[in-house]
Amino acid sequence: MTNPNHATGPTGRSIGREWLVGVLATLVAITSVVLGRHFRHLANHSDTLVAGAALVLVISGIYAVRYLARAVGRAIVRQSSLSAGATARLVIDGVGVVAMIFGLFGVLGVSLQHLLIGAGVTGVIVGIAAQQSLANVFAAVVLLFARPFVVGEQIRIRSGVLGVLDVEVLGAGLTYVTVRTEDGVLKIPNSVMLSSGIGRPHGDNAAH
């Protein structure tokens, strides 16, 4: 199966440039956090310096997250599929934004202890309410790295929920894996796919 985002010279140079910008922006962001925390303890002009460090952190952090997510996403697309690349970009975006926010709190001197306590209580409530959705998202990440199947492949699914199905994988996202069965197109939750046995219709090269 031909990958629509096949590697070419311009694409390779573009990915290299995105890696370079992402890494440099990350180094600038880390430096701004270190300097911002140092400036916060200075007696003279500390407010101006801290504000400047915070501004640099936000700008460099945005560039770092954007370019690193794009570079990783493109690299995964070249090796796997568009949906896998999109999933990786989303995960990196989320982790990067959280890291940038915590770095900003450190520069501004916001108490992380109180925030973490509040966030912990809120997280428990949200986690209970969105348990199934979060399970599908985490399952998507595991499937992305484990790669028991690829888009376009014919596989056999053995599941206590679905029974035994011979399907063609049409796509994989954050919540569902889309497959084609004899009866039509079916969307299977990622958590169900992760807990299923996955192999080939003729029983060879079992993947899971």
C-alpha atoms as a PDB file:
ATOM      1  CA  MET A   1       0.000   0.000   0.000  1.00  0.00           C
ATOM      2  CA  THR A   2       1.453   3.340  -1.044  1.00  0.00           C
ATOM      3  CA  ASN A   3       1.703   5.964   1.642  1.00  0.00           C
ATOM      4  CA  PRO A   4       0.146   9.240   0.412  1.00  0.00           C
ATOM      5  CA  ASN A   5       2.780  11.204   2.302  1.00  0.00           C
ATOM      6  CA  HIS A   6       5.744   9.382   0.741  1.00  0.00           C
ATOM      7  CA  ALA A   7       9.193  10.657   1.635  1.00  0.00           C
ATOM      8  CA  THR A   8      10.629  13.086  -0.890  1.00  0.00           C
ATOM      9  CA  GLY A   9      13.519  15.523  -0.775  1.00  0.00           C
ATOM     10  CA  PRO A  10      11.420  18.587   0.154  1.00  0.00           C
ATOM     11  CA  THR A  11       9.455  16.614   2.746  1.00  0.00           C
ATOM     12  CA  GLY A  12      12.662  15.357   4.371  1.00  0.00           C
ATOM     13  CA  ARG A  13      14.113  18.867   4.475  1.00  0.00           C
ATOM     14  CA  SER A  14      10.844  20.176   5.887  1.00  0.00           C
ATOM     15  CA  ILE A  15      10.854  17.610   8.690  1.00  0.00           C
ATOM     16  CA  GLY A  16      14.488  18.428   9.453  1.00  0.00           C
ATOM     17  CA  ARG A  17      13.671  22.121   9.656  1.00  0.00           C
ATOM     18  CA  GLU A  18      10.712  21.438  11.934  1.00  0.00           C
ATOM     19  CA  TRP A  19      12.892  19.333  14.247  1.00  0.00           C
ATOM     20  CA  LEU A  20      15.490  22.109  14.357  1.00  0.00           C
ATOM     21  CA  VAL A  21      12.963  24.843  15.150  1.00  0.00           C
ATOM     22  CA  GLY A  22      11.204  22.647  17.704  1.00  0.00           C
ATOM     23  CA  VAL A  23      14.391  21.708  19.553  1.00  0.00           C
ATOM     24  CA  LEU A  24      15.727  25.282  19.560  1.00  0.00           C
ATOM     25  CA  ALA A  25      12.384  26.630  20.791  1.00  0.00           C
ATOM     26  CA  THR A  26      12.363  23.995  23.535  1.00  0.00           C
ATOM     27  CA  LEU A  27      15.846  25.063  24.683  1.00  0.00           C
ATOM     28  CA  VAL A  28      14.747  28.718  24.718  1.00  0.00           C
ATOM     29  CA  ALA A  29      11.652  27.799  26.745  1.00  0.00           C
ATOM     30  CA  ILE A  30      13.696  25.850  29.300  1.00  0.00           C
ATOM     31  CA  THR A  31      16.191  28.717  29.568  1.00  0.00           C
ATOM     32  CA  SER A  32      13.378  31.230  30.122  1.00  0.00           C
ATOM     33  CA  VAL A  33      11.999  29.095  32.955  1.00  0.00           C
ATOM     34  CA  VAL A  34      15.404  28.925  34.668  1.00  0.00           C
ATOM     35  CA  LEU A  35      16.056  32.655  34.243  1.00  0.00           C
ATOM     36  CA  GLY A  36      12.500  33.588  35.216  1.00  0.00           C
ATOM     37  CA  ARG A  37      12.769  31.712  38.494  1.00  0.00           C
ATOM     38  CA  HIS A  38      16.120  33.433  39.102  1.00  0.00           C
ATOM     39  CA  PHE A  39      14.754  36.895  38.260  1.00  0.00           C
ATOM     40  CA  ARG A  40      11.876  36.394  40.670  1.00  0.00           C
ATOM     41  CA  HIS A  41      14.360  36.459  43.563  1.00  0.00           C
ATOM     42  CA  LEU A  42      16.111  39.647  42.464  1.00  0.00           C
ATOM     43  CA  ALA A  43      15.443  42.823  44.413  1.00  0.00           C
ATOM     44  CA  ASN A  44      15.603  45.296  41.500  1.00  0.00           C
ATOM     45  CA  HIS A  45      13.306  45.228  38.465  1.00  0.00           C
ATOM     46  CA  SER A  46      12.285  41.676  39.200  1.00  0.00           C
ATOM     47  CA  ASP A  47       8.702  42.194  38.005  1.00  0.00           C
ATOM     48  CA  THR A  48       9.783  43.418  34.569  1.00  0.00           C
ATOM     49  CA  LEU A  49      12.336  40.658  34.144  1.00  0.00           C
ATOM     50  CA  VAL A  50       9.919  37.960  35.295  1.00  0.00           C
ATOM     51  CA  ALA A  51       7.233  39.247  32.930  1.00  0.00           C
ATOM     52  CA  GLY A  52       9.740  39.226  30.080  1.00  0.00           C
ATOM     53  CA  ALA A  53      10.796  35.664  30.879  1.00  0.00           C
ATOM     54  CA  ALA A  54       7.152  34.584  31.027  1.00  0.00           C
ATOM     55  CA  LEU A  55       6.465  36.171  27.642  1.00  0.00           C
ATOM     56  CA  VAL A  56       9.483  34.465  26.089  1.00  0.00           C
ATOM     57  CA  LEU A  57       8.359  31.168  27.616  1.00  0.00           C
ATOM     58  CA  VAL A  58       4.869  31.442  26.118  1.00  0.00           C
ATOM     59  CA  ILE A  59       6.124  32.355  22.641  1.00  0.00           C
ATOM     60  CA  SER A  60       8.924  29.772  22.542  1.00  0.00           C
ATOM     61  CA  GLY A  61       6.671  27.152  24.124  1.00  0.00           C
ATOM     62  CA  ILE A  62       4.046  27.602  21.432  1.00  0.00           C
ATOM     63  CA  TYR A  63       6.681  27.232  18.716  1.00  0.00           C
ATOM     64  CA  ALA A  64       8.220  24.201  20.440  1.00  0.00           C
ATOM     65  CA  VAL A  65       4.916  22.364  20.795  1.00  0.00           C
ATOM     66  CA  ARG A  66       3.746  23.224  17.285  1.00  0.00           C
ATOM     67  CA  TYR A  67       6.925  22.267  15.444  1.00  0.00           C
ATOM     68  CA  LEU A  68       7.791  19.178  17.487  1.00  0.00           C
ATOM     69  CA  ALA A  69       4.239  17.847  17.148  1.00  0.00           C
ATOM     70  CA  ARG A  70       4.315  18.486  13.411  1.00  0.00           C
ATOM     71  CA  ALA A  71       7.727  16.830  12.979  1.00  0.00           C
ATOM     72  CA  VAL A  72       6.800  13.741  14.993  1.00  0.00           C
ATOM     73  CA  GLY A  73       3.436  13.512  13.245  1.00  0.00           C
ATOM     74  CA  ARG A  74       5.012  13.615   9.796  1.00  0.00           C
ATOM     75  CA  ALA A  75       7.673  11.091  10.747  1.00  0.00           C
ATOM     76  CA  ILE A  76       5.007   8.660  12.001  1.00  0.00           C
ATOM     77  CA  VAL A  77       2.861   9.210   8.893  1.00  0.00           C
ATOM     78  CA  ARG A  78       5.814   8.201   6.733  1.00  0.00           C
ATOM     79  CA  GLN A  79       6.125   4.950   8.689  1.00  0.00           C
ATOM     80  CA  SER A  80       2.469   4.248   9.465  1.00  0.00           C
ATOM     81  CA  SER A  81      -0.700   6.152   8.532  1.00  0.00           C
ATOM     82  CA  LEU A  82      -2.315   9.585   8.580  1.00  0.00           C
ATOM     83  CA  SER A  83      -4.508   8.676  11.562  1.00  0.00           C
ATOM     84  CA  ALA A  84      -1.504   7.493  13.588  1.00  0.00           C
ATOM     85  CA  GLY A  85       0.319  10.734  12.839  1.00  0.00           C
ATOM     86  CA  ALA A  86      -2.714  12.787  13.861  1.00  0.00           C
ATOM     87  CA  THR A  87      -2.977  10.860  17.130  1.00  0.00           C
ATOM     88  CA  ALA A  88       0.698  11.429  17.907  1.00  0.00           C
ATOM     89  CA  ARG A  89       0.383  15.152  17.176  1.00  0.00           C
ATOM     90  CA  LEU A  90      -2.616  15.444  19.482  1.00  0.00           C
ATOM     91  CA  VAL A  91      -0.818  13.663  22.328  1.00  0.00           C
ATOM     92  CA  ILE A  92       2.298  15.835  21.944  1.00  0.00           C
ATOM     93  CA  ASP A  93       0.171  18.988  21.772  1.00  0.00           C
ATOM     94  CA  GLY A  94      -1.564  18.070  25.019  1.00  0.00           C
ATOM     95  CA  VAL A  95       1.606  17.123  26.900  1.00  0.00           C
ATOM     96  CA  GLY A  96       3.451  20.182  25.575  1.00  0.00           C
ATOM     97  CA  VAL A  97       0.740  22.621  26.614  1.00  0.00           C
ATOM     98  CA  VAL A  98       0.566  21.117  30.114  1.00  0.00           C
ATOM     99  CA  ALA A  99       4.360  21.345  30.464  1.00  0.00           C
ATOM    100  CA  MET A 100       4.321  24.956  29.267  1.00  0.00           C
ATOM    101  CA  ILE A 101       1.594  25.879  31.774  1.00  0.00           C
ATOM    102  CA  PHE A 102       3.519  24.355  34.677  1.00  0.00           C
ATOM    103  CA  GLY A 103       6.670  26.153  33.537  1.00  0.00           C
ATOM    104  CA  LEU A 104       4.747  29.422  33.443  1.00  0.00           C
ATOM    105  CA  PHE A 105       3.469  28.822  36.966  1.00  0.00           C
ATOM    106  CA  GLY A 106       7.042  28.255  38.093  1.00  0.00           C
ATOM    107  CA  VAL A 107       8.213  31.534  36.534  1.00  0.00           C
ATOM    108  CA  LEU A 108       5.337  33.529  38.021  1.00  0.00           C
ATOM    109  CA  GLY A 109       5.704  31.925  41.444  1.00  0.00           C
ATOM    110  CA  VAL A 110       2.199  30.446  41.517  1.00  0.00           C
ATOM    111  CA  SER A 111       1.812  27.797  44.230  1.00  0.00           C
ATOM    112  CA  LEU A 112       1.692  24.451  42.483  1.00  0.00           C
ATOM    113  CA  GLN A 113       0.698  22.643  45.654  1.00  0.00           C
ATOM    114  CA  HIS A 114      -2.701  24.327  45.868  1.00  0.00           C
ATOM    115  CA  LEU A 115      -3.225  24.013  42.132  1.00  0.00           C
ATOM    116  CA  LEU A 116      -2.368  20.321  42.159  1.00  0.00           C
ATOM    117  CA  ILE A 117      -4.779  19.661  45.034  1.00  0.00           C
ATOM    118  CA  GLY A 118      -7.566  21.449  43.170  1.00  0.00           C
ATOM    119  CA  ALA A 119      -6.628  19.808  39.900  1.00  0.00           C
ATOM    120  CA  GLY A 120      -6.555  16.405  41.592  1.00  0.00           C
ATOM    121  CA  VAL A 121     -10.103  16.746  42.891  1.00  0.00           C
ATOM    122  CA  THR A 122     -11.311  18.067  39.545  1.00  0.00           C
ATOM    123  CA  GLY A 123      -9.428  15.331  37.709  1.00  0.00           C
ATOM    124  CA  VAL A 124     -11.117  12.609  39.750  1.00  0.00           C
ATOM    125  CA  ILE A 125     -14.554  14.021  38.971  1.00  0.00           C
ATOM    126  CA  VAL A 126     -13.831  14.481  35.281  1.00  0.00           C
ATOM    127  CA  GLY A 127     -12.129  11.098  35.079  1.00  0.00           C
ATOM    128  CA  ILE A 128     -15.161   9.314  36.467  1.00  0.00           C
ATOM    129  CA  ALA A 129     -17.486  11.194  34.111  1.00  0.00           C
ATOM    130  CA  ALA A 130     -15.311  10.565  31.054  1.00  0.00           C
ATOM    131  CA  GLN A 131     -13.919   7.159  31.970  1.00  0.00           C
ATOM    132  CA  GLN A 132     -14.902   5.441  28.723  1.00  0.00           C
ATOM    133  CA  SER A 133     -13.683   8.281  26.527  1.00  0.00           C
ATOM    134  CA  LEU A 134     -10.340   8.438  28.330  1.00  0.00           C
ATOM    135  CA  ALA A 135      -9.996   4.658  28.067  1.00  0.00           C
ATOM    136  CA  ASN A 136     -10.413   4.936  24.297  1.00  0.00           C
ATOM    137  CA  VAL A 137      -7.822   7.718  24.072  1.00  0.00           C
ATOM    138  CA  PHE A 138      -5.245   5.782  26.098  1.00  0.00           C
ATOM    139  CA  ALA A 139      -6.010   2.672  24.061  1.00  0.00           C
ATOM    140  CA  ALA A 140      -5.381   4.698  20.895  1.00  0.00           C
ATOM    141  CA  VAL A 141      -1.923   5.618  22.162  1.00  0.00           C
ATOM    142  CA  VAL A 142      -1.115   1.971  23.011  1.00  0.00           C
ATOM    143  CA  LEU A 143      -2.356   0.793  19.609  1.00  0.00           C
ATOM    144  CA  LEU A 144      -0.291   3.506  17.940  1.00  0.00           C
ATOM    145  CA  PHE A 145       2.964   2.205  19.424  1.00  0.00           C
ATOM    146  CA  ALA A 146       2.115  -1.513  19.512  1.00  0.00           C
ATOM    147  CA  ARG A 147       0.823  -1.454  15.907  1.00  0.00           C
ATOM    148  CA  PRO A 148      -1.059  -4.787  15.896  1.00  0.00           C
ATOM    149  CA  PHE A 149      -2.502  -3.696  12.535  1.00  0.00           C
ATOM    150  CA  VAL A 150      -2.135  -0.984   9.913  1.00  0.00           C
ATOM    151  CA  VAL A 151      -4.679   0.872   7.813  1.00  0.00           C
ATOM    152  CA  GLY A 152      -5.639  -1.106   4.723  1.00  0.00           C
ATOM    153  CA  GLU A 153      -4.805  -4.479   6.288  1.00  0.00           C
ATOM    154  CA  GLN A 154      -7.115  -7.489   6.460  1.00  0.00           C
ATOM    155  CA  ILE A 155      -7.310  -8.752  10.061  1.00  0.00           C
ATOM    156  CA  ARG A 156      -9.310 -11.170  12.180  1.00  0.00           C
ATOM    157  CA  ILE A 157     -10.715  -9.857  15.478  1.00  0.00           C
ATOM    158  CA  ARG A 158     -11.543 -12.262  18.306  1.00  0.00           C
ATOM    159  CA  SER A 159     -13.496 -10.484  21.017  1.00  0.00           C
ATOM    160  CA  GLY A 160     -15.906 -11.423  23.769  1.00  0.00           C
ATOM    161  CA  VAL A 161     -17.984  -8.419  22.737  1.00  0.00           C
ATOM    162  CA  LEU A 162     -17.827  -8.776  18.951  1.00  0.00           C
ATOM    163  CA  GLY A 163     -17.186 -12.473  18.489  1.00  0.00           C
ATOM    164  CA  VAL A 164     -14.956 -13.363  15.521  1.00  0.00           C
ATOM    165  CA  LEU A 165     -14.833 -10.877  12.650  1.00  0.00           C
ATOM    166  CA  ASP A 166     -12.785 -10.776   9.472  1.00  0.00           C
ATOM    167  CA  VAL A 167     -12.444  -7.096   8.562  1.00  0.00           C
ATOM    168  CA  GLU A 168     -10.466  -4.564   6.565  1.00  0.00           C
ATOM    169  CA  VAL A 169      -9.055  -1.655   8.596  1.00  0.00           C
ATOM    170  CA  LEU A 170     -10.173   1.633   7.052  1.00  0.00           C
ATOM    171  CA  GLY A 171      -8.864   4.058   9.670  1.00  0.00           C
ATOM    172  CA  ALA A 172      -7.859   4.587  13.293  1.00  0.00           C
ATOM    173  CA  GLY A 173      -8.586   7.643  15.415  1.00  0.00           C
ATOM    174  CA  LEU A 174      -8.579   8.715  19.044  1.00  0.00           C
ATOM    175  CA  THR A 175     -11.828   6.932  19.908  1.00  0.00           C
ATOM    176  CA  TYR A 176     -12.657   4.394  17.205  1.00  0.00           C
ATOM    177  CA  VAL A 177     -11.088   2.027  14.709  1.00  0.00           C
ATOM    178  CA  THR A 178     -13.122   2.032  11.500  1.00  0.00           C
ATOM    179  CA  VAL A 179     -13.353  -1.327   9.721  1.00  0.00           C
ATOM    180  CA  ARG A 180     -15.249  -2.808   6.795  1.00  0.00           C
ATOM    181  CA  THR A 181     -17.143  -6.044   7.415  1.00  0.00           C
ATOM    182  CA  GLU A 182     -19.358  -8.157   5.196  1.00  0.00           C
ATOM    183  CA  ASP A 183     -22.335  -6.230   6.558  1.00  0.00           C
ATOM    184  CA  GLY A 184     -20.828  -2.771   6.015  1.00  0.00           C
ATOM    185  CA  VAL A 185     -18.661  -0.238   7.829  1.00  0.00           C
ATOM    186  CA  LEU A 186     -18.273  -0.638  11.594  1.00  0.00           C
ATOM    187  CA  LYS A 187     -16.689   1.662  14.185  1.00  0.00           C
ATOM    188  CA  ILE A 188     -15.101  -0.286  17.038  1.00  0.00           C
ATOM    189  CA  PRO A 189     -14.021   1.533  20.251  1.00  0.00           C
ATOM    190  CA  ASN A 190     -10.254   1.503  20.749  1.00  0.00           C
ATOM    191  CA  SER A 191     -10.637  -0.043  24.204  1.00  0.00           C
ATOM    192  CA  VAL A 192     -12.458  -3.009  22.652  1.00  0.00           C
ATOM    193  CA  MET A 193      -9.758  -3.401  19.999  1.00  0.00           C
ATOM    194  CA  LEU A 194      -7.026  -3.297  22.645  1.00  0.00           C
ATOM    195  CA  SER A 195      -8.667  -6.088  24.647  1.00  0.00           C
ATOM    196  CA  SER A 196      -9.311  -8.238  21.565  1.00  0.00           C
ATOM    197  CA  GLY A 197      -7.176 -10.876  19.929  1.00  0.00           C
ATOM    198  CA  ILE A 198      -5.931  -9.594  16.567  1.00  0.00           C
ATOM    199  CA  GLY A 199      -4.542 -11.840  13.886  1.00  0.00           C
ATOM    200  CA  ARG A 200      -4.785 -12.587  10.182  1.00  0.00           C
ATOM    201  CA  PRO A 201      -7.779 -14.235   8.475  1.00  0.00           C
ATOM    202  CA  HIS A 202      -5.730 -17.349   7.661  1.00  0.00           C
ATOM    203  CA  GLY A 203      -4.277 -17.571  11.172  1.00  0.00           C
ATOM    204  CA  ASP A 204      -0.685 -16.675  10.250  1.00  0.00           C
ATOM    205  CA  ASN A 205       1.433 -13.866  11.686  1.00  0.00           C
ATOM    206  CA  ALA A 206      -0.784 -13.350  14.716  1.00  0.00           C
ATOM    207  CA  ALA A 207      -0.266  -9.877  16.030  1.00  0.00           C
ATOM    208  CA  HIS A 208      -1.913 -10.018  19.386  1.00  0.00           C
END
